[in-house]
Amino acid sequence: MVTPDNPQIAPLRDLDEWEDDLLRRYPEKPGTGHKFRDYEAEARPGVRDFYRLNHRYQTMEFVREKRAEYLPLQKRSMTVWEAMEFLNTLVDDSDPDIDLPQIEHLMQTAEAIRRDGHPRWFILTGLIHDLGKILCLFGEPQWAVVGDTYPLGCRFSEKIVYPEFFADNPDSTRPDYSSPLGIYKEGCGLDQVTMSWGHDEYLYHVVRNHLPAPALYMIRYHSCYPIHKEEEYGYLMNEQDREMFSWVRAFNPYDLYTKSSERVDVAALRPFYEDLIDEYLPGRLAW
């Protein structure tokens, strides 16, 4: 992983370590006896350190700063394929634990969706959903790029992974953020809620004017496990959120369970995916 050596910036060996931990917390097969709160004894030290940083520094003030920095979308101008190739540079060839380039992981997700006969926009969503991880290449620390996402400006749910680490978050002592609703109104809708910063929110703003609503929900909330897995924060959601989260839950198995060591033929698949990209996201996009 191309990141600084400072462990405060990069406690994970690589970004995939977070996703590996998701597989431990949410195993594919039901009935395994796994319980969400079992993570304490099993998580790797790097994952614990990662969430310690994430929960300490993901404040409302931090997110507002990042939105002001990134959402003008003035960092780069790239096609989607160029962004995929750019993401590939996150992989350090000296790391023996990373077998496949990022572009192949993206295609594995998209190909699984394609095999199941989903619409073309759904396939494209699988292909691009993690492209926001290029935030690491813009110098952002891991804890501001990946990890479970969650609402800010209200009480932190006890069902967020490692909730005890929020004790170090300055927002946890603010009276206006201390109730379940915090600064929001019941049923206000998630679009009115400030979420923790990361690759989901960033990519959503890159593509928000180009894709149908279900795709945008998949992109924006696929890491929001407190909502789509733990069913928290329902009091903030409106009817559209509840309808659209059925799509987020339909997407989640493809996000979690499609990675494998089996190679995909990028060159052979490229014409199909370039045509798909051109249909929805043609030309150069602002990043």
Protein backbone atom coordinates (compact mmCIF):
# COMPACT_ATOMS: atom_id res chain seq x y z
CA MET A 1 0.00 0.00 0.00
CA VAL A 2 1.40 3.38 -0.94
CA THR A 3 1.01 5.24 2.33
CA PRO A 4 3.38 6.99 4.72
CA ASP A 5 5.17 4.80 7.28
CA ASN A 6 3.58 6.64 10.20
CA PRO A 7 1.34 4.04 11.93
CA GLN A 8 -1.06 6.82 12.90
CA ILE A 9 -1.75 7.21 9.20
CA ALA A 10 -1.60 3.56 8.13
CA PRO A 11 -2.40 1.07 10.92
CA LEU A 12 -3.76 -1.42 8.36
CA ARG A 13 -1.34 -3.41 6.24
CA ASP A 14 -3.54 -2.51 3.27
CA LEU A 15 -7.08 -1.33 2.65
CA ASP A 16 -8.24 -4.88 2.03
CA GLU A 17 -7.60 -5.68 5.69
CA TRP A 18 -10.71 -3.69 6.60
CA GLU A 19 -12.75 -5.73 4.12
CA ASP A 20 -11.26 -8.96 5.44
CA ASP A 21 -12.48 -7.95 8.89
CA LEU A 22 -15.96 -7.33 7.49
CA LEU A 23 -16.01 -10.94 6.32
CA ARG A 24 -15.18 -12.06 9.84
CA ARG A 25 -17.91 -9.90 11.33
CA TYR A 26 -20.50 -10.75 8.68
CA PRO A 27 -19.82 -14.30 7.44
CA GLU A 28 -21.48 -15.27 4.20
CA LYS A 29 -23.34 -18.30 5.45
CA PRO A 30 -26.14 -17.81 7.99
CA GLY A 31 -26.37 -20.01 11.05
CA THR A 32 -22.66 -19.95 11.84
CA GLY A 33 -23.28 -18.85 15.40
CA HIS A 34 -21.21 -15.72 14.85
CA LYS A 35 -22.23 -12.72 16.91
CA PHE A 36 -21.37 -9.16 16.00
CA ARG A 37 -19.99 -8.37 19.46
CA ASP A 38 -17.42 -11.19 19.20
CA TYR A 39 -15.02 -8.90 17.36
CA GLU A 40 -13.06 -7.98 20.51
CA ALA A 41 -11.11 -11.22 20.72
CA GLU A 42 -10.70 -11.83 17.01
CA ALA A 43 -9.83 -8.56 15.30
CA ARG A 44 -6.25 -7.97 14.26
CA PRO A 45 -4.43 -5.26 16.21
CA GLY A 46 -4.20 -3.10 13.10
CA VAL A 47 -7.98 -3.15 12.73
CA ARG A 48 -8.48 -2.06 16.34
CA ASP A 49 -5.93 0.73 15.89
CA PHE A 50 -7.61 1.76 12.66
CA TYR A 51 -11.01 2.15 14.36
CA ARG A 52 -9.45 3.89 17.34
CA LEU A 53 -8.23 6.59 14.93
CA ASN A 54 -11.41 6.60 12.86
CA HIS A 55 -13.68 7.07 15.86
CA ARG A 56 -11.44 9.70 17.42
CA TYR A 57 -11.02 11.95 14.38
CA GLN A 58 -14.25 11.60 12.40
CA THR A 59 -15.90 14.71 13.81
CA MET A 60 -18.43 17.07 12.27
CA GLU A 61 -15.72 19.70 11.96
CA PHE A 62 -13.37 17.27 10.18
CA VAL A 63 -16.06 16.20 7.70
CA ARG A 64 -16.99 19.78 6.91
CA GLU A 65 -13.33 20.51 6.17
CA LYS A 66 -13.07 17.49 3.86
CA ARG A 67 -16.27 18.32 2.04
CA ALA A 68 -14.97 21.85 1.46
CA GLU A 69 -11.66 20.47 0.20
CA TYR A 70 -12.89 17.68 -2.06
CA LEU A 71 -16.43 18.35 -3.18
CA PRO A 72 -15.53 21.17 -5.54
CA LEU A 73 -14.06 18.18 -7.49
CA GLN A 74 -10.94 19.98 -8.60
CA LYS A 75 -8.25 17.40 -7.79
CA ARG A 76 -8.02 15.71 -11.19
CA SER A 77 -9.82 15.19 -14.47
CA MET A 78 -10.00 11.50 -15.43
CA THR A 79 -12.11 9.02 -17.29
CA VAL A 80 -13.50 6.17 -15.19
CA TRP A 81 -11.00 3.77 -16.76
CA GLU A 82 -8.15 6.14 -15.93
CA ALA A 83 -9.43 6.30 -12.35
CA MET A 84 -9.39 2.50 -12.19
CA GLU A 85 -5.81 2.44 -13.40
CA PHE A 86 -4.94 5.20 -10.93
CA LEU A 87 -6.42 3.11 -8.10
CA ASN A 88 -4.15 0.25 -9.15
CA THR A 89 -1.16 2.29 -8.01
CA LEU A 90 -2.30 1.76 -4.41
CA VAL A 91 -0.93 -1.77 -4.63
CA ASP A 92 2.68 -2.19 -3.56
CA ASP A 93 4.27 -5.02 -5.55
CA SER A 94 6.46 -5.84 -2.55
CA ASP A 95 3.41 -6.76 -0.45
CA PRO A 96 3.08 -10.57 -0.61
CA ASP A 97 -0.49 -10.50 0.74
CA ILE A 98 -1.96 -8.67 -2.26
CA ASP A 99 -2.46 -11.10 -5.13
CA LEU A 100 -4.51 -9.11 -7.60
CA PRO A 101 -4.53 -5.55 -8.88
CA GLN A 102 -7.45 -3.44 -7.67
CA ILE A 103 -8.91 -3.35 -11.16
CA GLU A 104 -9.39 -7.13 -11.04
CA HIS A 105 -11.20 -6.92 -7.71
CA LEU A 106 -13.53 -4.33 -9.23
CA MET A 107 -14.18 -6.57 -12.21
CA GLN A 108 -14.82 -9.58 -9.98
CA THR A 109 -17.64 -7.69 -8.30
CA ALA A 110 -19.05 -6.45 -11.60
CA GLU A 111 -18.82 -9.86 -13.27
CA ALA A 112 -20.71 -11.54 -10.42
CA ILE A 113 -23.49 -8.96 -10.80
CA ARG A 114 -23.46 -9.44 -14.57
CA ARG A 115 -23.74 -13.24 -14.26
CA ASP A 116 -26.85 -12.84 -12.12
CA GLY A 117 -28.60 -10.85 -14.85
CA HIS A 118 -28.89 -7.47 -13.14
CA PRO A 119 -29.38 -4.21 -15.11
CA ARG A 120 -26.43 -2.58 -16.79
CA TRP A 121 -26.36 0.31 -14.32
CA PHE A 122 -26.12 -2.24 -11.49
CA ILE A 123 -23.12 -3.89 -13.19
CA LEU A 124 -21.45 -0.50 -13.61
CA THR A 125 -22.04 0.28 -9.93
CA GLY A 126 -20.20 -2.90 -9.00
CA LEU A 127 -17.32 -1.87 -11.22
CA ILE A 128 -16.88 1.63 -9.81
CA HIS A 129 -18.15 1.46 -6.23
CA ASP A 130 -14.69 1.54 -4.62
CA LEU A 131 -13.06 4.15 -6.87
CA GLY A 132 -13.33 6.72 -4.11
CA LYS A 133 -10.41 4.95 -2.46
CA ILE A 134 -8.19 7.12 -4.63
CA LEU A 135 -8.48 9.52 -1.69
CA CYS A 136 -5.45 7.63 -0.34
CA LEU A 137 -3.52 8.76 -3.41
CA PHE A 138 -4.48 12.35 -2.60
CA GLY A 139 -2.78 11.94 0.78
CA GLU A 140 -5.71 11.02 3.02
CA PRO A 141 -5.07 8.61 5.92
CA GLN A 142 -6.71 5.20 5.85
CA TRP A 143 -9.22 6.07 8.59
CA ALA A 144 -10.57 8.89 6.37
CA VAL A 145 -10.97 6.61 3.33
CA VAL A 146 -12.34 3.23 4.42
CA GLY A 147 -14.13 1.78 7.44
CA ASP A 148 -17.77 1.48 8.41
CA THR A 149 -19.55 4.79 7.92
CA TYR A 150 -22.10 6.30 10.31
CA PRO A 151 -24.05 9.52 10.95
CA LEU A 152 -22.50 12.46 12.77
CA GLY A 153 -24.33 15.18 14.65
CA CYS A 154 -26.28 12.73 16.82
CA ARG A 155 -25.56 10.05 19.39
CA PHE A 156 -23.16 7.36 18.21
CA SER A 157 -24.92 4.00 18.09
CA GLU A 158 -23.70 1.21 20.35
CA LYS A 159 -23.93 -1.07 17.33
CA ILE A 160 -21.14 0.72 15.46
CA VAL A 161 -18.02 -1.41 15.61
CA TYR A 162 -15.86 -0.53 18.66
CA PRO A 163 -18.30 2.04 20.05
CA GLU A 164 -16.11 2.55 23.13
CA PHE A 165 -13.55 4.38 20.98
CA PHE A 166 -16.02 7.25 20.50
CA ALA A 167 -15.21 8.32 24.06
CA ASP A 168 -12.20 10.11 22.56
CA ASN A 169 -14.27 11.88 19.91
CA PRO A 170 -14.94 15.54 20.88
CA ASP A 171 -18.43 15.31 19.37
CA SER A 172 -19.43 12.73 22.00
CA THR A 173 -19.37 15.41 24.72
CA ARG A 174 -21.43 18.00 22.84
CA PRO A 175 -24.95 18.33 24.28
CA ASP A 176 -26.46 19.12 20.88
CA TYR A 177 -25.11 15.82 19.51
CA SER A 178 -25.96 13.68 22.54
CA SER A 179 -29.52 12.58 21.74
CA PRO A 180 -30.53 9.94 19.18
CA LEU A 181 -31.80 12.66 16.83
CA GLY A 182 -29.11 15.21 17.69
CA ILE A 183 -29.33 18.16 15.32
CA TYR A 184 -31.80 16.41 13.01
CA LYS A 185 -35.57 15.96 12.85
CA GLU A 186 -37.19 12.56 12.89
CA GLY A 187 -37.66 11.24 9.36
CA CYS A 188 -35.57 14.04 7.86
CA GLY A 189 -33.94 11.67 5.36
CA LEU A 190 -30.31 10.59 5.12
CA ASP A 191 -29.58 13.20 2.47
CA GLN A 192 -29.91 15.76 5.27
CA VAL A 193 -27.56 13.83 7.55
CA THR A 194 -23.80 14.37 7.64
CA MET A 195 -22.04 11.01 7.38
CA SER A 196 -18.48 10.17 8.38
CA TRP A 197 -16.05 10.96 5.57
CA GLY A 198 -14.69 8.32 3.22
CA HIS A 199 -14.61 6.83 -0.25
CA ASP A 200 -18.38 6.29 -0.35
CA GLU A 201 -19.38 9.92 0.08
CA TYR A 202 -16.62 11.19 -2.19
CA LEU A 203 -17.51 8.94 -5.13
CA TYR A 204 -21.20 9.68 -4.71
CA HIS A 205 -20.51 13.34 -5.43
CA VAL A 206 -18.34 12.49 -8.45
CA VAL A 207 -21.13 10.51 -10.14
CA ARG A 208 -24.31 11.91 -8.56
CA ASN A 209 -25.57 13.55 -11.77
CA HIS A 210 -25.10 10.49 -13.96
CA LEU A 211 -26.60 7.37 -12.35
CA PRO A 212 -30.09 6.29 -11.21
CA ALA A 213 -31.07 6.66 -7.57
CA PRO A 214 -30.56 3.00 -6.57
CA ALA A 215 -26.99 3.11 -7.88
CA LEU A 216 -26.28 6.31 -5.98
CA TYR A 217 -27.57 4.79 -2.74
CA MET A 218 -25.38 1.72 -3.27
CA ILE A 219 -22.33 3.91 -3.76
CA ARG A 220 -23.07 6.34 -0.94
CA TYR A 221 -24.09 3.84 1.75
CA HIS A 222 -22.45 0.51 0.94
CA SER A 223 -20.10 0.93 3.92
CA CYS A 224 -22.86 2.05 6.28
CA TYR A 225 -23.09 -1.26 8.13
CA PRO A 226 -24.78 0.30 11.17
CA ILE A 227 -27.80 0.93 8.95
CA HIS A 228 -27.95 -1.80 6.33
CA LYS A 229 -26.72 -4.64 8.57
CA GLU A 230 -27.45 -3.52 12.15
CA GLU A 231 -30.68 -1.64 11.28
CA GLU A 232 -29.81 1.40 13.37
CA TYR A 233 -30.77 5.06 12.73
CA GLY A 234 -34.17 4.20 11.30
CA TYR A 235 -35.60 7.33 12.94
CA LEU A 236 -33.48 9.48 10.60
CA MET A 237 -34.67 7.75 7.45
CA ASN A 238 -37.59 8.71 5.22
CA GLU A 239 -39.65 6.55 2.89
CA GLN A 240 -37.24 6.98 -0.02
CA ASP A 241 -34.33 5.84 2.17
CA ARG A 242 -36.20 2.73 3.26
CA GLU A 243 -37.09 1.91 -0.33
CA MET A 244 -33.60 2.52 -1.65
CA PHE A 245 -31.87 0.57 1.11
CA SER A 246 -33.38 -2.59 -0.34
CA TRP A 247 -31.00 -1.95 -3.23
CA VAL A 248 -28.09 -1.34 -0.86
CA ARG A 249 -28.79 -4.69 0.81
CA ALA A 250 -29.06 -6.39 -2.57
CA PHE A 251 -25.65 -4.99 -3.48
CA ASN A 252 -23.92 -5.88 -0.20
CA PRO A 253 -23.31 -9.61 -0.93
CA TYR A 254 -21.54 -8.69 -4.17
CA ASP A 255 -19.40 -6.19 -2.29
CA LEU A 256 -18.42 -8.62 0.47
CA TYR A 257 -18.32 -12.07 -1.05
CA THR A 258 -17.08 -11.89 -4.65
CA LYS A 259 -13.33 -11.44 -4.14
CA SER A 260 -11.26 -14.48 -5.01
CA SER A 261 -7.79 -15.42 -6.15
CA GLU A 262 -9.15 -16.42 -9.56
CA ARG A 263 -7.87 -14.05 -12.22
CA VAL A 264 -10.12 -12.15 -14.59
CA ASP A 265 -9.02 -11.35 -18.13
CA VAL A 266 -8.95 -7.55 -18.03
CA ALA A 267 -7.99 -7.20 -21.70
CA ALA A 268 -10.85 -9.43 -22.86
CA LEU A 269 -13.42 -7.72 -20.64
CA ARG A 270 -12.27 -4.18 -21.29
CA PRO A 271 -14.38 -3.55 -24.44
CA PHE A 272 -17.59 -4.52 -22.61
CA TYR A 273 -16.81 -2.29 -19.65
CA GLU A 274 -15.61 0.65 -21.70
CA ASP A 275 -18.91 0.51 -23.60
CA LEU A 276 -20.79 0.35 -20.29
CA ILE A 277 -18.84 3.31 -18.91
CA ASP A 278 -19.49 5.34 -22.06
CA GLU A 279 -23.22 4.70 -21.70
CA TYR A 280 -23.47 6.27 -18.24
CA LEU A 281 -20.22 8.08 -17.45
CA PRO A 282 -18.70 9.18 -20.76
CA GLY A 283 -15.59 11.26 -21.13
CA ARG A 284 -13.54 12.80 -18.38
CA LEU A 285 -15.07 13.33 -14.96
CA ALA A 286 -14.10 15.89 -12.33
CA TRP A 287 -12.52 14.25 -9.29
